[in-house]
Amino acid sequence: MSEGRRGITVSDRTSATGKLFVVATPIGNLSDITVRAIETLKLVDLIAAEDTRTSSVLLKHYGISRPMVSFHSHSGSGRSGEIVRKILSGANVALITDAGTPGISDPGHALVRDAIESGVEVVPVPGASAFMTALSASGLRTDRFVFEGFLPSKKGRQTKLRSLSAESRTIIFYESPHRIEKTVNELQTFLGDRKCVVGRELTKIHESFYRGTLSQILKLIGESERRGEFVVIVEGAGN
C-alpha cells in the first residue's frame, strides 16, 4: 500500500514502533469490505478480534492467514496492555469487531484509548457501520443526528428516554431481538407517536426496513420474525 493511502509500508514493517489499524469489516454481506481493509489485514503482524471464531469466517473468505488474539468486553486492561506492548515493540496490529466499525458500541474503544495514551499512532481504515447504513436509507433527516448506541437495560433507562423527548435531531439506537418490542413501545410512551424507521438484518438476505409511526412499527415488529440486531431511527422533536 502506498503512503498516500495510510497503509503499511516497508519502513513500517521494520520500525521500532508499530501502529494500530482500526479496520472496519462487513456488517453482514462479506462483499462489503474495502480493498484497503483486505490489504491491511493481510500485512499486519497481529489481528485483535472481538470474537476470533466469527472473524475467522471473514479472514478465510479472503484468504487471510494472520495470527489472531481476542479482544472483547471481558478482556480487561491486561489484554489491552499486552497488545499495546506488542505495538510498542514494533508489531503492526489490526483491530476488528464482529461486524462494522470497531469502537462503535463495542469494546474496541478501550484498546484505541490505551494505544493513544501510550503514544501509539492509530490509523482508521473506514468502511461499514450499521447505524450509518440504516440512516442513509431511512428517509429521515440526516443533516443532524445523535447516535445513542444501546439504551441502558435497567438503571437510567427511563431517565435517558425522558432526556431524549426534547431532542430535535434524528435519534438512532441499536437494539437486540428480545428487547426491540419493549424499546419501541417505550419510545412511543416517552417521545410520542413519531415517525420511525427500523432496519433489521442489514445487508443480509433477509434485510428488512419497517417504516411508519412508532405505533405502526410496534405492530409490524409484533408480526415479524425477530432475529439479528436492529437499528432504530426516530425523527427528532418538532420535525
Protein backbone atom coordinates (compact mmCIF):
# COMPACT_ATOMS: atom_id res chain seq x y z
CA MET A 1 0.00 0.00 0.00
CA SER A 2 1.25 3.47 -0.77
CA GLU A 3 1.98 6.00 1.96
CA GLY A 4 -0.69 8.28 0.49
CA ARG A 5 -3.29 5.68 1.44
CA ARG A 6 -2.07 5.48 5.04
CA GLY A 7 -1.29 1.82 4.73
CA ILE A 8 1.61 -0.34 5.87
CA THR A 9 4.90 0.44 4.11
CA VAL A 10 8.24 -1.34 4.11
CA SER A 11 9.54 1.17 6.66
CA ASP A 12 6.58 0.40 8.95
CA ARG A 13 7.48 -3.28 8.99
CA THR A 14 11.00 -2.51 10.22
CA SER A 15 10.04 0.36 12.53
CA ALA A 16 10.84 0.22 16.23
CA THR A 17 7.20 1.08 16.96
CA GLY A 18 4.20 -0.34 15.13
CA LYS A 19 0.75 1.12 14.52
CA LEU A 20 -2.79 0.23 15.49
CA PHE A 21 -5.06 -0.04 12.45
CA VAL A 22 -8.77 0.29 13.24
CA VAL A 23 -10.29 -1.75 10.42
CA ALA A 24 -13.99 -1.75 9.56
CA THR A 25 -15.40 -5.10 8.41
CA PRO A 26 -18.75 -6.06 6.80
CA ILE A 27 -21.92 -5.90 8.89
CA GLY A 28 -23.39 -8.86 7.02
CA ASN A 29 -22.60 -9.18 3.33
CA LEU A 30 -18.96 -10.29 3.09
CA SER A 31 -18.53 -8.27 -0.12
CA ASP A 32 -18.90 -5.04 1.83
CA ILE A 33 -15.21 -4.66 2.64
CA THR A 34 -12.72 -2.25 1.14
CA VAL A 35 -9.60 -3.20 -0.81
CA ARG A 36 -7.57 -1.25 1.73
CA ALA A 37 -9.06 -3.26 4.61
CA ILE A 38 -8.16 -6.56 2.94
CA GLU A 39 -4.61 -5.36 2.20
CA THR A 40 -4.17 -4.15 5.76
CA LEU A 41 -5.39 -7.41 7.30
CA LYS A 42 -3.02 -9.38 5.08
CA LEU A 43 0.01 -7.32 6.10
CA VAL A 44 -0.33 -6.73 9.84
CA ASP A 45 1.56 -8.86 12.33
CA LEU A 46 -1.47 -9.48 14.55
CA ILE A 47 -5.26 -9.12 14.38
CA ALA A 48 -7.15 -8.28 17.58
CA ALA A 49 -10.70 -9.57 17.05
CA GLU A 50 -13.82 -9.28 19.21
CA ASP A 51 -14.57 -12.95 18.52
CA THR A 52 -11.86 -14.91 16.72
CA ARG A 53 -14.37 -17.58 15.64
CA THR A 54 -16.62 -15.03 13.95
CA SER A 55 -13.71 -13.17 12.35
CA SER A 56 -12.10 -16.36 11.07
CA VAL A 57 -15.02 -16.77 8.64
CA LEU A 58 -14.25 -13.41 7.04
CA LEU A 59 -10.49 -13.98 7.02
CA LYS A 60 -10.84 -17.42 5.45
CA HIS A 61 -13.16 -16.00 2.77
CA TYR A 62 -10.43 -13.58 1.68
CA GLY A 63 -7.50 -15.95 2.13
CA ILE A 64 -6.08 -14.01 5.07
CA SER A 65 -3.92 -16.01 7.43
CA ARG A 66 -2.55 -13.89 10.25
CA PRO A 67 -2.16 -14.56 13.99
CA MET A 68 -5.23 -13.54 15.98
CA VAL A 69 -5.90 -12.65 19.59
CA SER A 70 -9.30 -11.98 21.15
CA PHE A 71 -10.23 -8.56 22.48
CA HIS A 72 -13.76 -8.29 23.84
CA SER A 73 -15.77 -6.73 26.68
CA HIS A 74 -14.34 -9.17 29.22
CA SER A 75 -10.71 -8.90 28.14
CA GLY A 76 -9.82 -6.27 30.72
CA SER A 77 -6.89 -3.88 30.87
CA GLY A 78 -4.39 -6.74 30.93
CA ARG A 79 -5.14 -7.82 27.37
CA SER A 80 -5.17 -4.22 26.20
CA GLY A 81 -1.78 -3.60 27.80
CA GLU A 82 -0.41 -6.77 26.22
CA ILE A 83 -1.46 -5.64 22.74
CA VAL A 84 -0.11 -2.11 23.24
CA ARG A 85 3.24 -3.51 24.37
CA LYS A 86 3.42 -5.59 21.19
CA ILE A 87 2.82 -2.45 19.13
CA LEU A 88 5.45 -0.51 21.05
CA SER A 89 7.84 -3.38 20.33
CA GLY A 90 7.31 -2.96 16.59
CA ALA A 91 4.23 -5.06 15.75
CA ASN A 92 1.54 -3.65 13.48
CA VAL A 93 -1.87 -4.64 14.85
CA ALA A 94 -5.32 -4.51 13.24
CA LEU A 95 -8.36 -4.13 15.47
CA ILE A 96 -11.58 -5.59 14.11
CA THR A 97 -15.02 -6.18 15.57
CA ASP A 98 -17.58 -8.89 14.82
CA ALA A 99 -19.27 -6.55 12.33
CA GLY A 100 -18.83 -2.95 11.31
CA THR A 101 -16.50 -0.29 12.65
CA PRO A 102 -14.52 -1.07 15.82
CA GLY A 103 -15.18 1.15 18.80
CA ILE A 104 -18.77 1.99 17.80
CA SER A 105 -20.83 0.48 20.63
CA ASP A 106 -18.23 -2.23 21.14
CA PRO A 107 -15.22 -2.75 23.43
CA GLY A 108 -12.65 -1.72 20.82
CA HIS A 109 -12.70 1.87 22.06
CA ALA A 110 -10.76 0.81 25.18
CA LEU A 111 -7.84 -0.50 23.12
CA VAL A 112 -7.84 2.63 20.94
CA ARG A 113 -7.80 4.82 24.07
CA ASP A 114 -4.96 2.87 25.67
CA ALA A 115 -2.97 2.94 22.46
CA ILE A 116 -3.30 6.72 22.13
CA GLU A 117 -2.37 7.24 25.78
CA SER A 118 0.77 5.15 25.18
CA GLY A 119 1.80 7.27 22.20
CA VAL A 120 0.84 4.71 19.55
CA GLU A 121 -0.24 6.01 16.15
CA VAL A 122 -3.82 4.95 15.42
CA VAL A 123 -4.81 4.65 11.75
CA PRO A 124 -8.51 4.34 10.82
CA VAL A 125 -9.38 2.10 7.86
CA PRO A 126 -13.02 3.10 7.28
CA GLY A 127 -15.88 1.02 5.99
CA ALA A 128 -19.25 -0.36 7.02
CA SER A 129 -21.22 0.87 10.03
CA ALA A 130 -24.70 -0.41 10.84
CA PHE A 131 -26.18 2.86 12.06
CA MET A 132 -24.86 4.87 9.10
CA THR A 133 -26.10 2.21 6.67
CA ALA A 134 -29.59 2.37 8.17
CA LEU A 135 -29.62 6.16 8.36
CA SER A 136 -28.67 6.54 4.70
CA ALA A 137 -31.76 4.56 3.65
CA SER A 138 -34.15 5.87 6.31
CA GLY A 139 -35.61 8.87 4.53
CA LEU A 140 -35.46 10.80 7.82
CA ARG A 141 -33.31 13.90 8.27
CA THR A 142 -29.60 13.18 8.03
CA ASP A 143 -28.14 16.68 8.42
CA ARG A 144 -28.28 16.50 12.21
CA PHE A 145 -28.50 13.28 14.20
CA VAL A 146 -27.47 11.73 17.51
CA PHE A 147 -26.34 8.13 17.94
CA GLU A 148 -27.22 6.67 21.34
CA GLY A 149 -25.97 3.11 20.88
CA PHE A 150 -27.85 0.67 23.13
CA LEU A 151 -30.22 2.15 25.70
CA PRO A 152 -29.49 1.23 29.33
CA SER A 153 -31.15 -2.10 30.03
CA LYS A 154 -32.32 -1.12 33.53
CA LYS A 155 -30.82 1.69 35.60
CA GLY A 156 -31.14 5.07 33.94
CA ARG A 157 -33.28 3.81 31.07
CA GLN A 158 -36.35 5.97 31.74
CA THR A 159 -34.16 8.97 32.60
CA LYS A 160 -32.44 8.65 29.24
CA LEU A 161 -35.74 8.36 27.38
CA ARG A 162 -37.12 11.45 29.12
CA SER A 163 -34.00 13.42 28.23
CA LEU A 164 -34.43 12.49 24.57
CA SER A 165 -38.05 13.64 24.40
CA ALA A 166 -36.95 17.20 23.52
CA GLU A 167 -34.13 16.14 21.18
CA SER A 168 -34.63 17.85 17.82
CA ARG A 169 -32.03 15.80 15.95
CA THR A 170 -32.78 12.43 14.38
CA ILE A 171 -32.18 9.80 17.09
CA ILE A 172 -30.51 6.45 16.37
CA PHE A 173 -30.36 3.36 18.61
CA TYR A 174 -29.17 -0.21 18.43
CA GLU A 175 -31.41 -2.90 19.90
CA SER A 176 -31.42 -6.65 20.36
CA PRO A 177 -34.22 -9.00 19.20
CA HIS A 178 -35.50 -9.78 22.68
CA ARG A 179 -35.86 -6.09 23.66
CA ILE A 180 -36.94 -4.48 20.39
CA GLU A 181 -40.69 -4.58 21.09
CA LYS A 182 -40.25 -3.17 24.60
CA THR A 183 -37.99 -0.40 23.31
CA VAL A 184 -40.33 0.73 20.53
CA ASN A 185 -43.24 0.72 22.98
CA GLU A 186 -41.27 2.88 25.45
CA LEU A 187 -40.16 5.25 22.70
CA GLN A 188 -43.81 5.85 21.84
CA THR A 189 -44.63 6.46 25.51
CA PHE A 190 -41.83 8.95 26.13
CA LEU A 191 -41.39 10.57 22.71
CA GLY A 192 -44.90 10.40 21.28
CA ASP A 193 -46.06 8.68 18.11
CA ARG A 194 -43.29 9.99 15.85
CA LYS A 195 -42.08 8.76 12.50
CA CYS A 196 -39.67 5.85 12.81
CA VAL A 197 -37.62 3.52 10.65
CA VAL A 198 -36.30 0.20 11.89
CA GLY A 199 -33.65 -1.73 9.97
CA ARG A 200 -33.15 -5.46 10.53
CA GLU A 201 -30.53 -7.91 9.19
CA LEU A 202 -28.89 -5.11 7.19
CA THR A 203 -27.01 -6.19 4.03
CA LYS A 204 -28.07 -9.82 4.61
CA ILE A 205 -30.53 -11.98 2.66
CA HIS A 206 -33.43 -11.13 4.98
CA GLU A 207 -32.73 -7.39 5.18
CA SER A 208 -35.90 -5.53 6.13
CA PHE A 209 -36.96 -1.95 6.80
CA TYR A 210 -40.09 -1.12 8.78
CA ARG A 211 -41.38 2.41 8.20
CA GLY A 212 -44.21 4.37 9.80
CA THR A 213 -45.09 5.87 13.15
CA LEU A 214 -43.88 4.20 16.33
CA SER A 215 -47.32 2.67 16.89
CA GLN A 216 -47.32 1.26 13.36
CA ILE A 217 -43.77 -0.04 13.79
CA LEU A 218 -44.77 -1.75 17.02
CA LYS A 219 -47.47 -3.68 15.16
CA LEU A 220 -45.15 -4.59 12.29
CA ILE A 221 -42.48 -5.89 14.64
CA GLY A 222 -45.03 -7.92 16.55
CA GLU A 223 -45.97 -9.68 13.32
CA SER A 224 -42.41 -10.26 12.10
CA GLU A 225 -39.61 -12.67 12.85
CA ARG A 226 -37.23 -11.21 15.40
CA ARG A 227 -33.65 -12.11 14.62
CA GLY A 228 -30.40 -10.20 14.22
CA GLU A 229 -29.55 -6.76 15.50
CA PHE A 230 -31.97 -3.89 14.95
CA VAL A 231 -31.22 -0.26 14.15
CA VAL A 232 -33.99 2.09 15.33
CA ILE A 233 -34.17 5.60 13.86
CA VAL A 234 -36.69 8.11 15.23
CA GLU A 235 -37.36 11.61 13.94
CA GLY A 236 -36.42 14.47 16.26
CA ALA A 237 -38.89 16.64 18.15
CA GLY A 238 -40.56 19.27 16.01
CA ASN A 239 -39.61 17.69 12.68
